[in-house]
Amino acid sequence: MNHKVKMFEIRDRGTFIPAIAVRLKPVNEAERYLAARAGYGVRPWEQGEYVLLTRLSGDEPTTHHAPEHWGGRTMPVAHRHITESWDDLETGQVIDVEHVLGETAEPKKSEQNAD
């Protein structure tokens, strides 16, 4: 199933960021219209290119629609990977930035199941 909302465990060196991602993929005219009015294109396929990524932790959760709007390295790399790999990613999956960048051979495991 191609979900419109997924949650991820974003990891990097010494970093753990819970995040939620929303793919703008309108399923009806009302959603298409609202996304168009917000500036995300007028056609559903254009709108479906956008993934809104929100950090769930911190004093002020932050949301961006484009990887280049994040500072640092962790969130831009994670956002780009999520956007490009959306259909292959499962909700709850670990997005290991070090692994995505080829810095480690194996991706990190979820802290959820840590002993």
C-alpha atoms as a PDB file:
ATOM      1  CA  MET A   1       0.000   0.000   0.000  1.00  0.00           C
ATOM      2  CA  ASN A   2       1.303   3.463  -0.848  1.00  0.00           C
ATOM      3  CA  HIS A   3       0.735   5.429   2.353  1.00  0.00           C
ATOM      4  CA  LYS A   4       0.508   9.192   2.373  1.00  0.00           C
ATOM      5  CA  VAL A   5       1.866   9.384   5.954  1.00  0.00           C
ATOM      6  CA  LYS A   6       4.856   7.519   7.376  1.00  0.00           C
ATOM      7  CA  MET A   7       6.928   7.851  10.525  1.00  0.00           C
ATOM      8  CA  PHE A   8      10.688   7.339  10.609  1.00  0.00           C
ATOM      9  CA  GLU A   9      13.552   6.980  13.072  1.00  0.00           C
ATOM     10  CA  ILE A  10      16.198   9.261  11.588  1.00  0.00           C
ATOM     11  CA  ARG A  11      19.696   8.392  12.761  1.00  0.00           C
ATOM     12  CA  ASP A  12      23.175   9.787  12.255  1.00  0.00           C
ATOM     13  CA  ARG A  13      26.326   9.945  14.376  1.00  0.00           C
ATOM     14  CA  GLY A  14      24.977  10.291  17.912  1.00  0.00           C
ATOM     15  CA  THR A  15      21.609  11.430  16.566  1.00  0.00           C
ATOM     16  CA  PHE A  16      18.075  10.123  17.062  1.00  0.00           C
ATOM     17  CA  ILE A  17      15.228  12.117  15.495  1.00  0.00           C
ATOM     18  CA  PRO A  18      11.640  10.860  15.428  1.00  0.00           C
ATOM     19  CA  ALA A  19       9.930  12.265  12.346  1.00  0.00           C
ATOM     20  CA  ILE A  20       6.705  12.114  10.407  1.00  0.00           C
ATOM     21  CA  ALA A  21       6.528  12.473   6.623  1.00  0.00           C
ATOM     22  CA  VAL A  22       3.501  13.351   4.531  1.00  0.00           C
ATOM     23  CA  ARG A  23       3.484  12.853   0.797  1.00  0.00           C
ATOM     24  CA  LEU A  24       1.291  15.367  -0.990  1.00  0.00           C
ATOM     25  CA  LYS A  25      -0.585  12.941  -3.165  1.00  0.00           C
ATOM     26  CA  PRO A  26      -4.130  14.236  -3.555  1.00  0.00           C
ATOM     27  CA  VAL A  27      -6.888  11.653  -3.752  1.00  0.00           C
ATOM     28  CA  ASN A  28      -9.699  14.060  -4.606  1.00  0.00           C
ATOM     29  CA  GLU A  29     -10.335  17.501  -6.058  1.00  0.00           C
ATOM     30  CA  ALA A  30     -10.485  19.207  -2.647  1.00  0.00           C
ATOM     31  CA  GLU A  31      -6.966  17.985  -1.760  1.00  0.00           C
ATOM     32  CA  ARG A  32      -5.640  18.915  -5.203  1.00  0.00           C
ATOM     33  CA  TYR A  33      -7.126  22.395  -4.914  1.00  0.00           C
ATOM     34  CA  LEU A  34      -5.692  23.009  -1.425  1.00  0.00           C
ATOM     35  CA  ALA A  35      -2.222  21.816  -2.426  1.00  0.00           C
ATOM     36  CA  ALA A  36      -2.380  24.044  -5.519  1.00  0.00           C
ATOM     37  CA  ARG A  37      -3.403  27.063  -3.458  1.00  0.00           C
ATOM     38  CA  ALA A  38      -0.452  26.381  -1.137  1.00  0.00           C
ATOM     39  CA  GLY A  39       1.936  26.533  -4.094  1.00  0.00           C
ATOM     40  CA  TYR A  40       2.658  22.846  -4.714  1.00  0.00           C
ATOM     41  CA  GLY A  41       1.703  22.794  -8.402  1.00  0.00           C
ATOM     42  CA  VAL A  42      -1.698  22.308  -9.992  1.00  0.00           C
ATOM     43  CA  ARG A  43      -1.515  18.723 -11.229  1.00  0.00           C
ATOM     44  CA  PRO A  44      -1.689  15.746  -8.848  1.00  0.00           C
ATOM     45  CA  TRP A  45       1.537  14.247 -10.228  1.00  0.00           C
ATOM     46  CA  GLU A  46       3.382  17.537  -9.538  1.00  0.00           C
ATOM     47  CA  GLN A  47       1.998  17.691  -6.020  1.00  0.00           C
ATOM     48  CA  GLY A  48       2.955  14.070  -5.383  1.00  0.00           C
ATOM     49  CA  GLU A  49       6.623  14.994  -5.795  1.00  0.00           C
ATOM     50  CA  TYR A  50       6.557  16.831  -2.445  1.00  0.00           C
ATOM     51  CA  VAL A  51       7.163  15.201   0.921  1.00  0.00           C
ATOM     52  CA  LEU A  52       6.656  17.330   4.013  1.00  0.00           C
ATOM     53  CA  LEU A  53       9.030  16.174   6.745  1.00  0.00           C
ATOM     54  CA  THR A  54       8.477  17.153  10.377  1.00  0.00           C
ATOM     55  CA  ARG A  55      10.819  16.630  13.314  1.00  0.00           C
ATOM     56  CA  LEU A  56       8.674  15.373  16.180  1.00  0.00           C
ATOM     57  CA  SER A  57      11.230  16.155  18.898  1.00  0.00           C
ATOM     58  CA  GLY A  58      12.545  19.435  20.229  1.00  0.00           C
ATOM     59  CA  ASP A  59      10.917  22.528  21.624  1.00  0.00           C
ATOM     60  CA  GLU A  60       9.479  23.554  18.272  1.00  0.00           C
ATOM     61  CA  PRO A  61       8.799  20.769  15.760  1.00  0.00           C
ATOM     62  CA  THR A  62       9.991  21.941  12.359  1.00  0.00           C
ATOM     63  CA  THR A  63       8.520  21.099   8.952  1.00  0.00           C
ATOM     64  CA  HIS A  64      10.051  21.603   5.515  1.00  0.00           C
ATOM     65  CA  HIS A  65       8.914  20.581   2.039  1.00  0.00           C
ATOM     66  CA  ALA A  66      12.379  20.535   0.450  1.00  0.00           C
ATOM     67  CA  PRO A  67      15.628  18.943   1.650  1.00  0.00           C
ATOM     68  CA  GLU A  68      17.661  22.076   0.988  1.00  0.00           C
ATOM     69  CA  HIS A  69      15.628  24.055   3.551  1.00  0.00           C
ATOM     70  CA  TRP A  70      17.125  22.128   6.480  1.00  0.00           C
ATOM     71  CA  GLY A  71      20.428  23.144   8.052  1.00  0.00           C
ATOM     72  CA  GLY A  72      23.272  20.748   8.819  1.00  0.00           C
ATOM     73  CA  ARG A  73      23.630  17.365   7.190  1.00  0.00           C
ATOM     74  CA  THR A  74      21.272  14.914   8.907  1.00  0.00           C
ATOM     75  CA  MET A  75      17.877  16.279   7.924  1.00  0.00           C
ATOM     76  CA  PRO A  76      18.692  17.258   4.311  1.00  0.00           C
ATOM     77  CA  VAL A  77      20.147  13.812   3.588  1.00  0.00           C
ATOM     78  CA  ALA A  78      17.265  12.023   5.330  1.00  0.00           C
ATOM     79  CA  HIS A  79      14.638  14.174   3.588  1.00  0.00           C
ATOM     80  CA  ARG A  80      16.152  13.614   0.140  1.00  0.00           C
ATOM     81  CA  HIS A  81      16.376   9.861   0.775  1.00  0.00           C
ATOM     82  CA  ILE A  82      12.776   9.682   2.004  1.00  0.00           C
ATOM     83  CA  THR A  83      11.512  11.656  -1.001  1.00  0.00           C
ATOM     84  CA  GLU A  84      13.473   9.578  -3.531  1.00  0.00           C
ATOM     85  CA  SER A  85      12.759   6.201  -1.878  1.00  0.00           C
ATOM     86  CA  TRP A  86       9.190   6.759  -0.628  1.00  0.00           C
ATOM     87  CA  ASP A  87       7.660   3.661  -2.207  1.00  0.00           C
ATOM     88  CA  ASP A  88      10.439   1.416  -0.877  1.00  0.00           C
ATOM     89  CA  LEU A  89      10.310   2.669   2.718  1.00  0.00           C
ATOM     90  CA  GLU A  90       8.084   1.280   5.456  1.00  0.00           C
ATOM     91  CA  THR A  91       6.599   3.379   8.200  1.00  0.00           C
ATOM     92  CA  GLY A  92       8.700   3.048  11.360  1.00  0.00           C
ATOM     93  CA  GLN A  93      11.863   2.330   9.390  1.00  0.00           C
ATOM     94  CA  VAL A  94      15.284   3.617  10.421  1.00  0.00           C
ATOM     95  CA  ILE A  95      16.746   6.194   8.024  1.00  0.00           C
ATOM     96  CA  ASP A  96      20.487   5.901   8.730  1.00  0.00           C
ATOM     97  CA  VAL A  97      22.220   8.924   7.227  1.00  0.00           C
ATOM     98  CA  GLU A  98      25.695   7.400   7.602  1.00  0.00           C
ATOM     99  CA  HIS A  99      24.547   4.338   5.660  1.00  0.00           C
ATOM    100  CA  VAL A 100      22.749   6.426   2.996  1.00  0.00           C
ATOM    101  CA  LEU A 101      26.009   8.351   2.450  1.00  0.00           C
ATOM    102  CA  GLY A 102      28.006   5.115   2.192  1.00  0.00           C
ATOM    103  CA  GLU A 103      29.976   5.789   5.389  1.00  0.00           C
ATOM    104  CA  THR A 104      28.918   2.504   7.010  1.00  0.00           C
ATOM    105  CA  ALA A 105      28.386  -0.934   5.520  1.00  0.00           C
ATOM    106  CA  GLU A 106      25.329  -1.836   7.607  1.00  0.00           C
ATOM    107  CA  PRO A 107      22.401   0.391   8.557  1.00  0.00           C
ATOM    108  CA  LYS A 108      21.708   1.060  12.220  1.00  0.00           C
ATOM    109  CA  LYS A 109      19.034  -1.004  13.956  1.00  0.00           C
ATOM    110  CA  SER A 110      16.056   0.625  15.632  1.00  0.00           C
ATOM    111  CA  GLU A 111      16.525   1.685  19.246  1.00  0.00           C
ATOM    112  CA  GLN A 112      13.038   0.286  19.841  1.00  0.00           C
ATOM    113  CA  ASN A 113      14.418  -3.251  20.068  1.00  0.00           C
ATOM    114  CA  ALA A 114      17.724  -2.428  21.780  1.00  0.00           C
ATOM    115  CA  ASP A 115      18.661  -4.707  24.647  1.00  0.00           C
END
